[in-house]
Amino acid sequence: MAAQVRFELCRGFSGGARSDGGFTLVELVTVMVIAGILAAVASPRFFSNDSFKIAGFAGEVRSGLRHAQAVAMASGCDIRVSLGSSDFVLQRWSGGSNCNDHSGSLVTLTRPGGGSFTASVPVNVSISTASIYFDSLGKPRDASSGALLDSALSLAIGTDTITVNAETGFVQ
């Protein structure tokens, strides 16, 4: 009988009639509600990568502008940067009396790792168009008139903005 009393005392401390074999209905419903909220909030981020496309293309344009300025200063040749509605391209003049003779034809620069320095604008990304070139001092000039930029050039790529300083050509 002593063993039976001891069993009853232990049973009373473990929660009485509660079984340790599973979860209650309240616990299951709570977990399902939390999982549903997380799925509703997080799934659009996984299936829409437009923000990543914009950031990647803006980074490529920013890098290309800096590369164009560096090549212009290192080579002493004018380097043209064209940002159109469908593509971005870095070019230099060739076929004239020298590399700064704008009467020659434009040749696309090659990337340091190989391939041409062009990039297509991602689908559903709005951009502002511009055409400038960097001279041998690294200063940005208007591609059509050849005049130095009189104010900073702001390029909008989706929600990102790239600024080219008019005096120094610094790209940020």
N, C-alpha and C. Protein backbone atom coordinates (compact mmCIF):
# COMPACT_ATOMS: atom_id res chain seq x y z
N MET A 1 0.81 -1.17 0.00
CA MET A 1 0.00 0.00 0.00
C MET A 1 0.87 1.26 0.00
N ALA A 2 2.05 1.18 0.56
CA ALA A 2 2.94 2.33 0.58
C ALA A 2 3.36 2.70 -0.84
N ALA A 3 3.55 1.70 -1.67
CA ALA A 3 3.91 1.98 -3.06
C ALA A 3 2.78 2.66 -3.79
N GLN A 4 1.54 2.31 -3.52
CA GLN A 4 0.39 2.90 -4.19
C GLN A 4 0.23 4.36 -3.78
N VAL A 5 0.44 4.72 -2.55
CA VAL A 5 0.34 6.10 -2.07
C VAL A 5 1.42 6.94 -2.72
N ARG A 6 2.59 6.40 -2.79
CA ARG A 6 3.67 7.13 -3.42
C ARG A 6 3.37 7.41 -4.88
N PHE A 7 2.79 6.48 -5.61
CA PHE A 7 2.42 6.68 -7.00
C PHE A 7 1.37 7.79 -7.13
N GLU A 8 0.42 7.84 -6.26
CA GLU A 8 -0.62 8.87 -6.28
C GLU A 8 -0.01 10.24 -6.03
N LEU A 9 0.96 10.35 -5.14
CA LEU A 9 1.60 11.64 -4.86
C LEU A 9 2.38 12.15 -6.08
N CYS A 10 3.11 11.26 -6.73
CA CYS A 10 3.86 11.66 -7.92
C CYS A 10 2.92 12.06 -9.04
N ARG A 11 1.83 11.37 -9.17
CA ARG A 11 0.86 11.69 -10.23
C ARG A 11 0.26 13.06 -10.00
N GLY A 12 0.05 13.41 -8.76
CA GLY A 12 -0.53 14.71 -8.46
C GLY A 12 0.41 15.85 -8.82
N PHE A 13 1.70 15.66 -8.68
CA PHE A 13 2.65 16.72 -9.00
C PHE A 13 2.90 16.86 -10.50
N SER A 14 2.62 15.86 -11.29
CA SER A 14 2.91 15.92 -12.72
C SER A 14 1.78 16.53 -13.53
N GLY A 15 0.77 17.04 -12.94
CA GLY A 15 -0.29 17.69 -13.69
C GLY A 15 -1.59 16.92 -13.69
N GLY A 16 -1.73 15.92 -12.95
CA GLY A 16 -3.00 15.21 -12.83
C GLY A 16 -3.32 14.41 -14.07
N ALA A 17 -4.41 14.75 -14.74
CA ALA A 17 -4.90 13.96 -15.86
C ALA A 17 -4.25 14.35 -17.18
N ARG A 18 -3.38 15.35 -17.20
CA ARG A 18 -2.76 15.80 -18.44
C ARG A 18 -1.80 14.75 -18.98
N SER A 19 -1.87 14.54 -20.27
CA SER A 19 -0.99 13.58 -20.92
C SER A 19 0.21 14.33 -21.50
N ASP A 20 1.38 13.77 -21.42
CA ASP A 20 2.58 14.39 -21.96
C ASP A 20 2.85 13.95 -23.38
N GLY A 21 1.86 13.42 -24.07
CA GLY A 21 2.07 12.83 -25.39
C GLY A 21 1.94 13.79 -26.56
N GLY A 22 1.55 15.06 -26.42
CA GLY A 22 1.39 15.92 -27.59
C GLY A 22 1.11 17.37 -27.23
N PHE A 23 0.57 18.11 -28.21
CA PHE A 23 0.30 19.53 -28.04
C PHE A 23 -1.19 19.76 -27.89
N THR A 24 -1.55 20.86 -27.26
CA THR A 24 -2.97 21.20 -27.14
C THR A 24 -3.42 21.89 -28.41
N LEU A 25 -4.72 21.98 -28.59
CA LEU A 25 -5.29 22.62 -29.77
C LEU A 25 -4.92 24.10 -29.82
N VAL A 26 -4.88 24.74 -28.67
CA VAL A 26 -4.51 26.17 -28.62
C VAL A 26 -3.07 26.37 -29.10
N GLU A 27 -2.18 25.51 -28.70
CA GLU A 27 -0.79 25.61 -29.14
C GLU A 27 -0.67 25.41 -30.65
N LEU A 28 -1.37 24.45 -31.19
CA LEU A 28 -1.32 24.20 -32.63
C LEU A 28 -1.88 25.36 -33.43
N VAL A 29 -3.01 25.91 -33.00
CA VAL A 29 -3.61 27.05 -33.71
C VAL A 29 -2.70 28.26 -33.64
N THR A 30 -2.07 28.51 -32.50
CA THR A 30 -1.16 29.64 -32.35
C THR A 30 0.02 29.53 -33.30
N VAL A 31 0.61 28.36 -33.40
CA VAL A 31 1.74 28.15 -34.31
C VAL A 31 1.29 28.35 -35.76
N MET A 32 0.11 27.88 -36.12
CA MET A 32 -0.37 28.04 -37.49
C MET A 32 -0.65 29.50 -37.82
N VAL A 33 -1.18 30.27 -36.87
CA VAL A 33 -1.43 31.69 -37.10
C VAL A 33 -0.11 32.43 -37.30
N ILE A 34 0.88 32.15 -36.47
CA ILE A 34 2.18 32.80 -36.60
C ILE A 34 2.83 32.44 -37.93
N ALA A 35 2.76 31.18 -38.32
CA ALA A 35 3.32 30.75 -39.61
C ALA A 35 2.61 31.44 -40.77
N GLY A 36 1.31 31.61 -40.69
CA GLY A 36 0.57 32.31 -41.73
C GLY A 36 0.96 33.76 -41.85
N ILE A 37 1.14 34.42 -40.73
CA ILE A 37 1.56 35.83 -40.75
C ILE A 37 2.95 35.97 -41.35
N LEU A 38 3.87 35.10 -40.96
CA LEU A 38 5.21 35.15 -41.53
C LEU A 38 5.20 34.89 -43.03
N ALA A 39 4.38 33.95 -43.47
CA ALA A 39 4.30 33.65 -44.90
C ALA A 39 3.74 34.84 -45.68
N ALA A 40 2.75 35.52 -45.12
CA ALA A 40 2.14 36.66 -45.81
C ALA A 40 3.10 37.84 -45.89
N VAL A 41 3.92 38.02 -44.89
CA VAL A 41 4.84 39.15 -44.86
C VAL A 41 6.12 38.85 -45.64
N ALA A 42 6.65 37.66 -45.51
CA ALA A 42 7.96 37.33 -46.08
C ALA A 42 7.91 36.85 -47.52
N SER A 43 6.86 36.22 -47.95
CA SER A 43 6.86 35.64 -49.30
C SER A 43 6.97 36.67 -50.42
N PRO A 44 6.38 37.86 -50.33
CA PRO A 44 6.60 38.82 -51.42
C PRO A 44 8.07 39.21 -51.58
N ARG A 45 8.83 39.21 -50.50
CA ARG A 45 10.25 39.52 -50.60
C ARG A 45 11.02 38.44 -51.34
N PHE A 46 10.57 37.19 -51.22
CA PHE A 46 11.26 36.09 -51.87
C PHE A 46 10.93 36.01 -53.35
N PHE A 47 9.72 36.39 -53.72
CA PHE A 47 9.29 36.22 -55.10
C PHE A 47 9.50 37.46 -55.95
N SER A 48 9.72 38.63 -55.35
CA SER A 48 9.97 39.85 -56.10
C SER A 48 11.42 40.27 -55.88
N ASN A 49 12.21 40.26 -56.94
CA ASN A 49 13.61 40.64 -56.81
C ASN A 49 13.91 41.95 -57.53
N ASP A 50 12.90 42.78 -57.74
CA ASP A 50 13.11 44.06 -58.42
C ASP A 50 14.09 44.95 -57.66
N SER A 51 14.00 44.99 -56.35
CA SER A 51 14.91 45.85 -55.58
C SER A 51 16.37 45.38 -55.75
N PHE A 52 16.56 44.07 -55.88
CA PHE A 52 17.91 43.56 -56.09
C PHE A 52 18.40 43.89 -57.49
N LYS A 53 17.50 43.85 -58.49
CA LYS A 53 17.88 44.21 -59.86
C LYS A 53 18.29 45.68 -59.93
N ILE A 54 17.51 46.53 -59.28
CA ILE A 54 17.81 47.97 -59.28
C ILE A 54 19.15 48.23 -58.61
N ALA A 55 19.35 47.64 -57.44
CA ALA A 55 20.61 47.86 -56.71
C ALA A 55 21.80 47.32 -57.50
N GLY A 56 21.64 46.17 -58.14
CA GLY A 56 22.73 45.60 -58.92
C GLY A 56 23.08 46.43 -60.14
N PHE A 57 22.05 46.90 -60.87
CA PHE A 57 22.31 47.71 -62.05
C PHE A 57 22.89 49.06 -61.66
N ALA A 58 22.38 49.66 -60.58
CA ALA A 58 22.93 50.95 -60.11
C ALA A 58 24.39 50.78 -59.71
N GLY A 59 24.72 49.69 -59.06
CA GLY A 59 26.11 49.43 -58.69
C GLY A 59 26.99 49.26 -59.91
N GLU A 60 26.46 48.61 -60.94
CA GLU A 60 27.23 48.42 -62.17
C GLU A 60 27.47 49.75 -62.89
N VAL A 61 26.44 50.61 -62.93
CA VAL A 61 26.60 51.93 -63.55
C VAL A 61 27.60 52.77 -62.76
N ARG A 62 27.48 52.75 -61.44
CA ARG A 62 28.39 53.51 -60.59
C ARG A 62 29.84 53.03 -60.81
N SER A 63 30.02 51.74 -60.85
CA SER A 63 31.35 51.17 -61.09
C SER A 63 31.86 51.53 -62.48
N GLY A 64 30.98 51.49 -63.47
CA GLY A 64 31.36 51.84 -64.84
C GLY A 64 31.78 53.29 -64.97
N LEU A 65 31.06 54.19 -64.30
CA LEU A 65 31.43 55.61 -64.33
C LEU A 65 32.81 55.82 -63.71
N ARG A 66 33.07 55.16 -62.59
CA ARG A 66 34.38 55.29 -61.95
C ARG A 66 35.48 54.71 -62.82
N HIS A 67 35.18 53.60 -63.47
CA HIS A 67 36.16 52.98 -64.37
C HIS A 67 36.46 53.89 -65.56
N ALA A 68 35.41 54.49 -66.12
CA ALA A 68 35.60 55.39 -67.27
C ALA A 68 36.49 56.57 -66.89
N GLN A 69 36.27 57.13 -65.73
CA GLN A 69 37.09 58.26 -65.29
C GLN A 69 38.54 57.82 -65.09
N ALA A 70 38.75 56.66 -64.48
CA ALA A 70 40.10 56.17 -64.24
C ALA A 70 40.83 55.87 -65.55
N VAL A 71 40.14 55.29 -66.52
CA VAL A 71 40.76 54.98 -67.82
C VAL A 71 41.09 56.27 -68.56
N ALA A 72 40.20 57.26 -68.49
CA ALA A 72 40.45 58.54 -69.16
C ALA A 72 41.70 59.21 -68.58
N MET A 73 41.85 59.20 -67.28
CA MET A 73 43.01 59.84 -66.67
C MET A 73 44.29 59.04 -66.92
N ALA A 74 44.20 57.72 -66.92
CA ALA A 74 45.38 56.88 -67.13
C ALA A 74 45.86 56.90 -68.58
N SER A 75 44.92 56.91 -69.53
CA SER A 75 45.30 56.82 -70.94
C SER A 75 45.44 58.19 -71.61
N GLY A 76 44.81 59.21 -71.03
CA GLY A 76 44.82 60.53 -71.66
C GLY A 76 43.79 60.64 -72.78
N CYS A 77 42.95 59.61 -72.93
CA CYS A 77 41.92 59.60 -73.98
C CYS A 77 40.55 59.87 -73.38
N ASP A 78 39.70 60.58 -74.13
CA ASP A 78 38.34 60.82 -73.70
C ASP A 78 37.56 59.50 -73.71
N ILE A 79 36.80 59.26 -72.63
CA ILE A 79 36.01 58.05 -72.51
C ILE A 79 34.55 58.45 -72.37
N ARG A 80 33.73 57.97 -73.27
CA ARG A 80 32.30 58.32 -73.32
C ARG A 80 31.49 57.32 -72.51
N VAL A 81 30.54 57.85 -71.74
CA VAL A 81 29.60 57.04 -70.96
C VAL A 81 28.21 57.37 -71.46
N SER A 82 27.51 56.36 -71.92
CA SER A 82 26.15 56.56 -72.44
C SER A 82 25.18 55.70 -71.66
N LEU A 83 24.20 56.34 -71.08
CA LEU A 83 23.15 55.64 -70.35
C LEU A 83 21.84 55.92 -71.07
N GLY A 84 21.38 54.92 -71.83
CA GLY A 84 20.15 55.07 -72.59
C GLY A 84 18.99 54.37 -71.91
N SER A 85 17.86 54.37 -72.56
CA SER A 85 16.68 53.75 -71.97
C SER A 85 16.77 52.23 -71.94
N SER A 86 17.65 51.66 -72.75
CA SER A 86 17.74 50.19 -72.79
C SER A 86 19.11 49.64 -72.41
N ASP A 87 20.16 50.49 -72.42
CA ASP A 87 21.48 49.96 -72.10
C ASP A 87 22.41 51.03 -71.54
N PHE A 88 23.55 50.55 -71.06
CA PHE A 88 24.62 51.36 -70.51
C PHE A 88 25.90 50.91 -71.20
N VAL A 89 26.70 51.86 -71.71
CA VAL A 89 27.89 51.47 -72.46
C VAL A 89 29.04 52.47 -72.23
N LEU A 90 30.27 51.96 -72.17
CA LEU A 90 31.48 52.78 -72.10
C LEU A 90 32.19 52.67 -73.44
N GLN A 91 32.58 53.82 -74.01
CA GLN A 91 33.21 53.83 -75.33
C GLN A 91 34.35 54.82 -75.38
N ARG A 92 35.23 54.63 -76.38
CA ARG A 92 36.30 55.58 -76.66
C ARG A 92 36.27 55.87 -78.17
N TRP A 93 36.88 56.97 -78.56
CA TRP A 93 36.92 57.33 -79.97
C TRP A 93 38.12 56.67 -80.63
N SER A 94 37.95 56.25 -81.87
CA SER A 94 39.01 55.57 -82.60
C SER A 94 38.92 55.95 -84.08
N GLY A 95 40.03 55.94 -84.75
CA GLY A 95 40.03 56.18 -86.20
C GLY A 95 40.28 57.61 -86.60
N GLY A 96 40.32 58.53 -85.64
CA GLY A 96 40.64 59.91 -85.96
C GLY A 96 42.14 60.12 -85.90
N SER A 97 42.54 61.37 -85.81
CA SER A 97 43.97 61.65 -85.75
C SER A 97 44.58 61.19 -84.43
N ASN A 98 43.78 61.15 -83.36
CA ASN A 98 44.22 60.61 -82.07
C ASN A 98 42.98 60.15 -81.29
N CYS A 99 43.20 59.68 -80.08
CA CYS A 99 42.07 59.12 -79.32
C CYS A 99 41.11 60.18 -78.79
N ASN A 100 41.47 61.45 -78.93
CA ASN A 100 40.57 62.53 -78.52
C ASN A 100 39.90 63.21 -79.70
N ASP A 101 40.09 62.69 -80.90
CA ASP A 101 39.45 63.22 -82.09
C ASP A 101 38.05 62.63 -82.19
N HIS A 102 37.05 63.43 -81.91
CA HIS A 102 35.67 62.96 -81.85
C HIS A 102 35.05 62.73 -83.22
N SER A 103 35.82 62.99 -84.30
CA SER A 103 35.29 62.71 -85.63
C SER A 103 35.43 61.22 -85.99
N GLY A 104 36.22 60.49 -85.21
CA GLY A 104 36.37 59.06 -85.45
C GLY A 104 35.15 58.29 -84.97
N SER A 105 35.20 56.99 -85.09
CA SER A 105 34.07 56.16 -84.67
C SER A 105 34.24 55.77 -83.20
N LEU A 106 33.12 55.38 -82.59
CA LEU A 106 33.15 54.96 -81.19
C LEU A 106 33.37 53.46 -81.09
N VAL A 107 34.25 53.06 -80.18
CA VAL A 107 34.55 51.66 -79.94
C VAL A 107 34.24 51.35 -78.48
N THR A 108 33.54 50.26 -78.24
CA THR A 108 33.18 49.89 -76.86
C THR A 108 34.41 49.39 -76.11
N LEU A 109 34.59 49.87 -74.89
CA LEU A 109 35.70 49.42 -74.05
C LEU A 109 35.49 47.97 -73.63
N THR A 110 36.58 47.31 -73.36
CA THR A 110 36.49 45.94 -72.84
C THR A 110 36.66 45.97 -71.32
N ARG A 111 35.98 45.07 -70.67
CA ARG A 111 36.06 44.96 -69.21
C ARG A 111 37.43 44.40 -68.82
N PRO A 112 37.89 44.73 -67.63
CA PRO A 112 39.17 44.18 -67.19
C PRO A 112 39.21 42.65 -67.21
N GLY A 113 38.08 42.00 -66.95
CA GLY A 113 38.03 40.55 -66.97
C GLY A 113 37.69 39.96 -68.32
N GLY A 114 37.47 40.82 -69.32
CA GLY A 114 37.09 40.37 -70.66
C GLY A 114 35.63 40.69 -70.95
N GLY A 115 35.31 40.77 -72.22
CA GLY A 115 33.95 41.12 -72.63
C GLY A 115 33.78 42.62 -72.79
N SER A 116 32.75 43.03 -73.49
CA SER A 116 32.54 44.45 -73.72
C SER A 116 31.88 45.10 -72.51
N PHE A 117 32.15 46.39 -72.34
CA PHE A 117 31.63 47.12 -71.19
C PHE A 117 30.26 47.68 -71.52
N THR A 118 29.29 46.80 -71.58
CA THR A 118 27.90 47.18 -71.81
C THR A 118 27.03 46.43 -70.81
N ALA A 119 25.86 46.96 -70.54
CA ALA A 119 24.89 46.30 -69.66
C ALA A 119 23.50 46.71 -70.09
N SER A 120 22.59 45.76 -70.09
CA SER A 120 21.20 46.03 -70.43
C SER A 120 20.45 46.47 -69.17
N VAL A 121 19.54 47.42 -69.36
CA VAL A 121 18.71 47.89 -68.25
C VAL A 121 17.72 46.77 -67.91
N PRO A 122 17.61 46.40 -66.64
CA PRO A 122 16.66 45.35 -66.26
C PRO A 122 15.22 45.74 -66.60
N VAL A 123 14.40 44.74 -66.80
CA VAL A 123 12.98 44.95 -67.12
C VAL A 123 12.30 45.64 -65.94
N ASN A 124 11.39 46.56 -66.24
CA ASN A 124 10.60 47.31 -65.26
C ASN A 124 11.45 48.22 -64.37
N VAL A 125 12.60 48.65 -64.87
CA VAL A 125 13.43 49.60 -64.13
C VAL A 125 13.47 50.90 -64.92
N SER A 126 13.05 51.99 -64.30
CA SER A 126 13.08 53.28 -64.98
C SER A 126 14.39 53.98 -64.66
N ILE A 127 14.98 54.59 -65.69
CA ILE A 127 16.26 55.28 -65.52
C ILE A 127 16.21 56.62 -66.23
N SER A 128 17.09 57.52 -65.81
CA SER A 128 17.25 58.78 -66.54
C SER A 128 18.40 58.58 -67.52
N THR A 129 18.27 59.14 -68.70
CA THR A 129 19.28 58.96 -69.74
C THR A 129 20.29 60.11 -69.69
N ALA A 130 21.51 59.80 -70.07
CA ALA A 130 22.57 60.82 -70.11
C ALA A 130 23.68 60.33 -71.01
N SER A 131 24.43 61.28 -71.54
CA SER A 131 25.60 60.96 -72.34
C SER A 131 26.68 61.99 -72.03
N ILE A 132 27.73 61.52 -71.36
CA ILE A 132 28.85 62.39 -70.98
C ILE A 132 30.14 61.70 -71.39
N TYR A 133 31.25 62.43 -71.30
CA TYR A 133 32.55 61.80 -71.41
C TYR A 133 33.49 62.42 -70.39
N PHE A 134 34.47 61.64 -69.99
CA PHE A 134 35.50 62.11 -69.07
C PHE A 134 36.72 62.46 -69.90
N ASP A 135 37.29 63.66 -69.64
CA ASP A 135 38.50 64.07 -70.35
C ASP A 135 39.73 63.51 -69.64
N SER A 136 40.91 63.87 -70.13
CA SER A 136 42.15 63.32 -69.58
C SER A 136 42.43 63.76 -68.15
N LEU A 137 41.74 64.79 -67.68
CA LEU A 137 41.87 65.23 -66.30
C LEU A 137 40.82 64.60 -65.39
N GLY A 138 39.94 63.79 -65.97
CA GLY A 138 38.90 63.13 -65.20
C GLY A 138 37.66 63.97 -64.99
N LYS A 139 37.58 65.10 -65.68
CA LYS A 139 36.42 65.98 -65.52
C LYS A 139 35.32 65.55 -66.48
N PRO A 140 34.07 65.57 -66.01
CA PRO A 140 32.96 65.18 -66.88
C PRO A 140 32.55 66.31 -67.82
N ARG A 141 32.27 65.95 -69.06
CA ARG A 141 31.85 66.91 -70.08
C ARG A 141 30.58 66.41 -70.75
N ASP A 142 29.80 67.36 -71.25
CA ASP A 142 28.61 67.00 -72.01
C ASP A 142 29.04 66.39 -73.34
N ALA A 143 28.49 65.24 -73.69
CA ALA A 143 28.94 64.53 -74.89
C ALA A 143 28.56 65.26 -76.18
N SER A 144 27.47 66.00 -76.19
CA SER A 144 27.05 66.66 -77.43
C SER A 144 27.79 67.98 -77.66
N SER A 145 28.01 68.77 -76.61
CA SER A 145 28.65 70.08 -76.79
C SER A 145 30.14 70.07 -76.43
N GLY A 146 30.58 69.16 -75.60
CA GLY A 146 31.97 69.13 -75.15
C GLY A 146 32.25 70.07 -74.01
N ALA A 147 31.23 70.79 -73.54
CA ALA A 147 31.41 71.74 -72.45
C ALA A 147 31.49 71.01 -71.11
N LEU A 148 32.29 71.56 -70.19
CA LEU A 148 32.32 71.01 -68.84
C LEU A 148 30.94 71.11 -68.22
N LEU A 149 30.59 70.13 -67.41
CA LEU A 149 29.29 70.19 -66.74
C LEU A 149 29.31 71.37 -65.78
N ASP A 150 28.23 72.15 -65.78
CA ASP A 150 28.18 73.32 -64.90
C ASP A 150 27.55 73.00 -63.54
N SER A 151 26.93 71.84 -63.42
CA SER A 151 26.37 71.40 -62.14
C SER A 151 26.48 69.88 -62.06
N ALA A 152 26.27 69.36 -60.88
CA ALA A 152 26.37 67.92 -60.67
C ALA A 152 25.32 67.20 -61.52
N LEU A 153 25.69 66.07 -62.05
CA LEU A 153 24.78 65.25 -62.86
C LEU A 153 24.17 64.19 -61.95
N SER A 154 22.84 64.18 -61.87
CA SER A 154 22.14 63.18 -61.07
C SER A 154 21.45 62.19 -62.00
N LEU A 155 21.75 60.93 -61.81
CA LEU A 155 21.15 59.86 -62.60
C LEU A 155 20.24 59.04 -61.70
N ALA A 156 18.96 58.96 -62.07
CA ALA A 156 18.01 58.18 -61.30
C ALA A 156 17.89 56.79 -61.92
N ILE A 157 18.12 55.78 -61.11
CA ILE A 157 17.98 54.39 -61.54
C ILE A 157 17.02 53.74 -60.56
N GLY A 158 15.76 53.63 -60.97
CA GLY A 158 14.74 53.14 -60.05
C GLY A 158 14.66 54.07 -58.86
N THR A 159 14.86 53.53 -57.68
CA THR A 159 14.82 54.34 -56.46
C THR A 159 16.21 54.82 -56.03
N ASP A 160 17.23 54.44 -56.76
CA ASP A 160 18.61 54.81 -56.44
C ASP A 160 19.02 56.04 -57.26
N THR A 161 19.88 56.87 -56.71
CA THR A 161 20.38 58.05 -57.41
C THR A 161 21.91 58.04 -57.40
N ILE A 162 22.48 58.26 -58.57
CA ILE A 162 23.94 58.35 -58.72
C ILE A 162 24.26 59.80 -59.08
N THR A 163 25.24 60.36 -58.41
CA THR A 163 25.62 61.76 -58.65
C THR A 163 27.06 61.82 -59.13
N VAL A 164 27.28 62.59 -60.21
CA VAL A 164 28.63 62.84 -60.73
C VAL A 164 28.94 64.31 -60.47
N ASN A 165 29.95 64.56 -59.65
CA ASN A 165 30.34 65.92 -59.30
C ASN A 165 30.88 66.62 -60.54
N ALA A 166 30.43 67.85 -60.78
CA ALA A 166 30.80 68.57 -61.99
C ALA A 166 32.27 68.98 -62.01
N GLU A 167 32.85 69.33 -60.90
CA GLU A 167 34.22 69.83 -60.89
C GLU A 167 35.26 68.74 -60.85
N THR A 168 34.99 67.68 -60.09
CA THR A 168 36.00 66.64 -59.91
C THR A 168 35.67 65.34 -60.65
N GLY A 169 34.41 65.14 -61.00
CA GLY A 169 34.01 63.89 -61.64
C GLY A 169 33.79 62.78 -60.63
N PHE A 170 33.83 63.11 -59.33
CA PHE A 170 33.63 62.11 -58.28
C PHE A 170 32.24 61.51 -58.40
N VAL A 171 32.18 60.19 -58.39
CA VAL A 171 30.91 59.47 -58.54
C VAL A 171 30.49 58.94 -57.19
N GLN A 172 29.26 59.27 -56.79
CA GLN A 172 28.73 58.76 -55.53
C GLN A 172 27.32 58.28 -55.68
